[in-house]
Amino acid sequence: QLRATLGRPDWIVFEEERYRINPRFGVEFDGLLFEAEVRAAGAAGAAGAALAKTRDTVPLARALERYKGDFLEGAGAGDWHLEPRERWRRLYFEGRFALGEPLRPG
């Protein structure tokens, strides 16, 4: 049904037992952009603890602005979204910690 709505059946692919948007079309997703930007800023994991002392913090601050709260919070979406939700939430808190900001969403 989604393929028909989009008007092009090749926009949706079935890989590894999952349906997903075909990455060949360059569709941007804010969750993946957030993750890539936080990681590029060096705030993920132990490396983030020294970020504020050794690097420009502007890229990380900009990346953290993308986080608008827990992914699909309150949505009846099954369980598939829980892993990315927790990963992005952890990255958000690690980024806030690296900037020396309070560890609370928003």
N, C-alpha and C. Protein backbone atom coordinates (compact mmCIF):
# COMPACT_ATOMS: atom_id res chain seq x y z
N GLN A 1 0.82 -1.19 0.00
CA GLN A 1 0.00 0.00 0.00
C GLN A 1 0.87 1.26 0.00
N LEU A 2 1.94 1.26 0.79
CA LEU A 2 2.83 2.42 0.82
C LEU A 2 3.51 2.62 -0.52
N ARG A 3 3.90 1.53 -1.17
CA ARG A 3 4.52 1.64 -2.50
C ARG A 3 3.58 2.32 -3.48
N ALA A 4 2.31 1.96 -3.43
CA ALA A 4 1.32 2.57 -4.32
C ALA A 4 1.14 4.05 -4.00
N THR A 5 1.11 4.38 -2.72
CA THR A 5 0.95 5.77 -2.30
C THR A 5 2.12 6.63 -2.76
N LEU A 6 3.32 6.09 -2.66
CA LEU A 6 4.51 6.84 -3.07
C LEU A 6 4.61 6.97 -4.59
N GLY A 7 3.94 6.07 -5.31
CA GLY A 7 3.95 6.15 -6.76
C GLY A 7 5.13 5.46 -7.41
N ARG A 8 6.04 4.93 -6.64
CA ARG A 8 7.20 4.22 -7.17
C ARG A 8 7.47 3.03 -6.26
N PRO A 9 7.31 1.83 -6.77
CA PRO A 9 7.52 0.66 -5.92
C PRO A 9 8.97 0.49 -5.46
N ASP A 10 9.93 1.08 -6.17
CA ASP A 10 11.33 0.91 -5.79
C ASP A 10 11.75 1.80 -4.61
N TRP A 11 10.85 2.65 -4.09
CA TRP A 11 11.17 3.46 -2.92
C TRP A 11 11.23 2.63 -1.65
N ILE A 12 10.54 1.50 -1.64
CA ILE A 12 10.50 0.62 -0.47
C ILE A 12 11.18 -0.69 -0.84
N VAL A 13 12.13 -1.12 -0.02
CA VAL A 13 12.83 -2.39 -0.25
C VAL A 13 12.63 -3.29 0.96
N PHE A 14 12.72 -4.59 0.71
CA PHE A 14 12.64 -5.58 1.78
C PHE A 14 14.00 -6.23 1.89
N GLU A 15 14.71 -5.96 3.00
CA GLU A 15 16.05 -6.48 3.22
C GLU A 15 16.16 -6.98 4.65
N GLU A 16 16.81 -8.11 4.81
CA GLU A 16 17.05 -8.68 6.14
C GLU A 16 15.77 -8.75 6.97
N GLU A 17 14.70 -9.23 6.33
CA GLU A 17 13.42 -9.43 7.00
C GLU A 17 12.75 -8.13 7.46
N ARG A 18 13.12 -7.00 6.84
CA ARG A 18 12.52 -5.71 7.19
C ARG A 18 12.25 -4.89 5.94
N TYR A 19 11.18 -4.11 6.02
CA TYR A 19 10.93 -3.12 4.99
C TYR A 19 11.63 -1.83 5.39
N ARG A 20 12.16 -1.13 4.40
CA ARG A 20 12.80 0.16 4.68
C ARG A 20 12.78 1.02 3.43
N ILE A 21 13.02 2.29 3.62
CA ILE A 21 13.12 3.21 2.48
C ILE A 21 14.43 2.92 1.77
N ASN A 22 14.39 2.85 0.47
CA ASN A 22 15.56 2.56 -0.33
C ASN A 22 16.62 3.65 -0.14
N PRO A 23 17.79 3.32 0.39
CA PRO A 23 18.81 4.34 0.65
C PRO A 23 19.39 4.98 -0.61
N ARG A 24 19.17 4.38 -1.77
CA ARG A 24 19.67 4.95 -3.04
C ARG A 24 19.05 6.30 -3.34
N PHE A 25 17.91 6.59 -2.75
CA PHE A 25 17.20 7.82 -3.08
C PHE A 25 17.61 9.01 -2.22
N GLY A 26 18.53 8.82 -1.34
CA GLY A 26 19.07 9.94 -0.56
C GLY A 26 18.07 10.59 0.38
N VAL A 27 17.17 9.81 0.92
CA VAL A 27 16.20 10.34 1.87
C VAL A 27 16.91 10.62 3.19
N GLU A 28 16.69 11.80 3.75
CA GLU A 28 17.30 12.15 5.02
C GLU A 28 16.32 11.87 6.16
N PHE A 29 16.86 11.38 7.24
CA PHE A 29 16.06 11.08 8.43
C PHE A 29 16.74 11.76 9.60
N ASP A 30 16.01 12.58 10.33
CA ASP A 30 16.63 13.39 11.37
C ASP A 30 17.30 12.57 12.47
N GLY A 31 16.78 11.39 12.77
CA GLY A 31 17.42 10.54 13.78
C GLY A 31 18.81 10.10 13.36
N LEU A 32 18.95 9.71 12.09
CA LEU A 32 20.26 9.29 11.60
C LEU A 32 21.20 10.47 11.46
N LEU A 33 20.68 11.62 11.05
CA LEU A 33 21.51 12.83 10.97
C LEU A 33 22.01 13.22 12.36
N PHE A 34 21.13 13.17 13.35
CA PHE A 34 21.51 13.47 14.72
C PHE A 34 22.65 12.56 15.17
N GLU A 35 22.48 11.27 14.95
CA GLU A 35 23.50 10.31 15.38
C GLU A 35 24.84 10.57 14.69
N ALA A 36 24.81 10.79 13.39
CA ALA A 36 26.04 11.03 12.64
C ALA A 36 26.74 12.30 13.11
N GLU A 37 25.97 13.35 13.36
CA GLU A 37 26.56 14.62 13.77
C GLU A 37 27.15 14.54 15.18
N VAL A 38 26.47 13.86 16.10
CA VAL A 38 27.00 13.72 17.45
C VAL A 38 28.29 12.91 17.42
N ARG A 39 28.29 11.83 16.65
CA ARG A 39 29.50 11.00 16.56
C ARG A 39 30.64 11.78 15.90
N ALA A 40 30.34 12.54 14.85
CA ALA A 40 31.37 13.33 14.18
C ALA A 40 31.95 14.39 15.10
N ALA A 41 31.14 14.90 16.01
CA ALA A 41 31.61 15.91 16.96
C ALA A 41 32.46 15.29 18.07
N GLY A 42 32.50 13.96 18.13
CA GLY A 42 33.34 13.27 19.10
C GLY A 42 32.75 13.15 20.48
N ALA A 43 31.44 13.24 20.60
CA ALA A 43 30.82 13.22 21.92
C ALA A 43 30.35 11.84 22.35
N ALA A 44 30.47 10.85 21.50
CA ALA A 44 29.98 9.52 21.86
C ALA A 44 31.01 8.78 22.69
N GLY A 45 30.57 8.17 23.76
CA GLY A 45 31.43 7.34 24.59
C GLY A 45 32.43 8.13 25.41
N ALA A 46 33.51 7.47 25.78
CA ALA A 46 34.50 8.07 26.67
C ALA A 46 35.18 9.28 26.05
N ALA A 47 35.28 9.33 24.73
CA ALA A 47 35.95 10.46 24.08
C ALA A 47 35.23 11.76 24.36
N GLY A 48 33.93 11.69 24.61
CA GLY A 48 33.16 12.90 24.84
C GLY A 48 33.47 13.61 26.14
N ALA A 49 33.98 12.91 27.11
CA ALA A 49 34.24 13.52 28.42
C ALA A 49 35.23 14.67 28.35
N ALA A 50 36.18 14.60 27.44
CA ALA A 50 37.20 15.65 27.33
C ALA A 50 36.90 16.64 26.21
N LEU A 51 35.76 16.50 25.55
CA LEU A 51 35.45 17.32 24.39
C LEU A 51 35.51 18.81 24.70
N ALA A 52 34.87 19.24 25.75
CA ALA A 52 34.79 20.67 26.05
C ALA A 52 36.16 21.29 26.29
N LYS A 53 37.12 20.51 26.71
CA LYS A 53 38.45 21.03 26.99
C LYS A 53 39.34 21.05 25.76
N THR A 54 39.04 20.23 24.77
CA THR A 54 39.97 20.05 23.66
C THR A 54 39.45 20.47 22.30
N ARG A 55 38.15 20.72 22.14
CA ARG A 55 37.59 20.97 20.81
C ARG A 55 36.58 22.09 20.81
N ASP A 56 36.27 22.50 19.59
CA ASP A 56 35.18 23.44 19.37
C ASP A 56 33.87 22.71 19.67
N THR A 57 33.07 23.25 20.54
CA THR A 57 31.83 22.58 20.95
C THR A 57 30.62 22.98 20.11
N VAL A 58 30.79 23.91 19.19
CA VAL A 58 29.65 24.38 18.38
C VAL A 58 29.02 23.25 17.57
N PRO A 59 29.79 22.40 16.87
CA PRO A 59 29.13 21.32 16.11
C PRO A 59 28.29 20.39 16.98
N LEU A 60 28.78 20.10 18.17
CA LEU A 60 28.01 19.24 19.07
C LEU A 60 26.75 19.94 19.54
N ALA A 61 26.85 21.19 19.90
CA ALA A 61 25.67 21.94 20.34
C ALA A 61 24.62 21.97 19.24
N ARG A 62 25.05 22.15 18.01
CA ARG A 62 24.10 22.15 16.88
C ARG A 62 23.46 20.78 16.70
N ALA A 63 24.26 19.74 16.82
CA ALA A 63 23.72 18.38 16.68
C ALA A 63 22.68 18.11 17.76
N LEU A 64 22.95 18.53 18.98
CA LEU A 64 22.01 18.28 20.08
C LEU A 64 20.69 19.02 19.90
N GLU A 65 20.71 20.10 19.14
CA GLU A 65 19.46 20.82 18.87
C GLU A 65 18.48 19.98 18.06
N ARG A 66 18.98 18.99 17.33
CA ARG A 66 18.10 18.11 16.55
C ARG A 66 17.24 17.21 17.44
N TYR A 67 17.72 16.93 18.63
CA TYR A 67 17.01 16.00 19.52
C TYR A 67 15.78 16.71 20.08
N LYS A 68 14.61 16.18 19.79
CA LYS A 68 13.35 16.79 20.23
C LYS A 68 12.62 15.92 21.24
N GLY A 69 13.31 14.96 21.82
CA GLY A 69 12.69 14.05 22.77
C GLY A 69 12.76 12.63 22.28
N ASP A 70 12.24 11.72 23.07
CA ASP A 70 12.32 10.30 22.73
C ASP A 70 11.60 10.00 21.42
N PHE A 71 12.25 9.20 20.59
CA PHE A 71 11.75 8.79 19.29
C PHE A 71 10.43 8.04 19.45
N LEU A 72 9.40 8.50 18.76
CA LEU A 72 8.06 7.90 18.75
C LEU A 72 7.48 7.72 20.15
N GLU A 73 7.76 8.66 21.02
CA GLU A 73 7.23 8.59 22.38
C GLU A 73 5.70 8.62 22.34
N GLY A 74 5.10 7.67 23.01
CA GLY A 74 3.65 7.60 23.08
C GLY A 74 2.99 6.98 21.86
N ALA A 75 3.77 6.59 20.87
CA ALA A 75 3.20 6.00 19.66
C ALA A 75 3.09 4.49 19.82
N GLY A 76 2.03 3.93 19.32
CA GLY A 76 1.87 2.49 19.32
C GLY A 76 2.59 1.90 18.13
N ALA A 77 3.90 1.79 18.22
CA ALA A 77 4.71 1.39 17.08
C ALA A 77 5.34 0.01 17.25
N GLY A 78 4.86 -0.77 18.18
CA GLY A 78 5.49 -2.06 18.41
C GLY A 78 6.82 -1.87 19.13
N ASP A 79 7.73 -2.82 18.93
CA ASP A 79 9.01 -2.76 19.62
C ASP A 79 10.18 -2.34 18.74
N TRP A 80 9.98 -2.25 17.43
CA TRP A 80 11.10 -2.01 16.52
C TRP A 80 11.83 -0.70 16.80
N HIS A 81 11.15 0.27 17.39
CA HIS A 81 11.73 1.60 17.58
C HIS A 81 12.49 1.75 18.90
N LEU A 82 12.42 0.76 19.77
CA LEU A 82 13.03 0.90 21.09
C LEU A 82 14.55 0.98 21.05
N GLU A 83 15.18 0.19 20.20
CA GLU A 83 16.65 0.21 20.12
C GLU A 83 17.16 1.57 19.64
N PRO A 84 16.66 2.11 18.50
CA PRO A 84 17.16 3.44 18.11
C PRO A 84 16.78 4.52 19.12
N ARG A 85 15.61 4.40 19.75
CA ARG A 85 15.20 5.39 20.75
C ARG A 85 16.23 5.46 21.88
N GLU A 86 16.61 4.30 22.41
CA GLU A 86 17.57 4.27 23.51
C GLU A 86 18.95 4.73 23.07
N ARG A 87 19.36 4.35 21.86
CA ARG A 87 20.67 4.76 21.34
C ARG A 87 20.74 6.28 21.20
N TRP A 88 19.70 6.88 20.63
CA TRP A 88 19.70 8.34 20.42
C TRP A 88 19.57 9.08 21.75
N ARG A 89 18.82 8.52 22.65
CA ARG A 89 18.70 9.14 23.98
C ARG A 89 20.04 9.12 24.70
N ARG A 90 20.74 7.99 24.63
CA ARG A 90 22.07 7.89 25.25
C ARG A 90 23.04 8.88 24.61
N LEU A 91 23.02 8.99 23.28
CA LEU A 91 23.90 9.95 22.61
C LEU A 91 23.59 11.38 23.03
N TYR A 92 22.31 11.68 23.19
CA TYR A 92 21.91 13.01 23.63
C TYR A 92 22.50 13.32 25.01
N PHE A 93 22.34 12.39 25.95
CA PHE A 93 22.85 12.62 27.30
C PHE A 93 24.37 12.67 27.32
N GLU A 94 25.03 11.84 26.53
CA GLU A 94 26.49 11.90 26.45
C GLU A 94 26.95 13.25 25.90
N GLY A 95 26.22 13.75 24.91
CA GLY A 95 26.55 15.05 24.35
C GLY A 95 26.36 16.17 25.35
N ARG A 96 25.25 16.13 26.07
CA ARG A 96 25.00 17.14 27.11
C ARG A 96 26.09 17.09 28.18
N PHE A 97 26.48 15.89 28.57
CA PHE A 97 27.53 15.72 29.56
C PHE A 97 28.85 16.30 29.04
N ALA A 98 29.17 16.02 27.77
CA ALA A 98 30.41 16.53 27.18
C ALA A 98 30.44 18.05 27.16
N LEU A 99 29.28 18.67 27.05
CA LEU A 99 29.21 20.14 27.05
C LEU A 99 29.10 20.71 28.46
N GLY A 100 29.00 19.83 29.45
CA GLY A 100 28.87 20.30 30.82
C GLY A 100 27.50 20.87 31.13
N GLU A 101 26.48 20.39 30.42
CA GLU A 101 25.11 20.87 30.61
C GLU A 101 24.33 19.93 31.50
N PRO A 102 23.23 20.40 32.06
CA PRO A 102 22.38 19.53 32.89
C PRO A 102 21.91 18.32 32.10
N LEU A 103 21.86 17.18 32.73
CA LEU A 103 21.48 15.93 32.06
C LEU A 103 19.99 15.70 32.13
N ARG A 104 19.26 16.48 31.37
CA ARG A 104 17.81 16.29 31.26
C ARG A 104 17.41 16.64 29.82
N PRO A 105 16.40 15.97 29.27
CA PRO A 105 15.97 16.25 27.90
C PRO A 105 15.48 17.68 27.77
N GLY A 106 15.63 18.19 26.53
CA GLY A 106 15.10 19.53 26.21
C GLY A 106 15.85 20.54 26.88
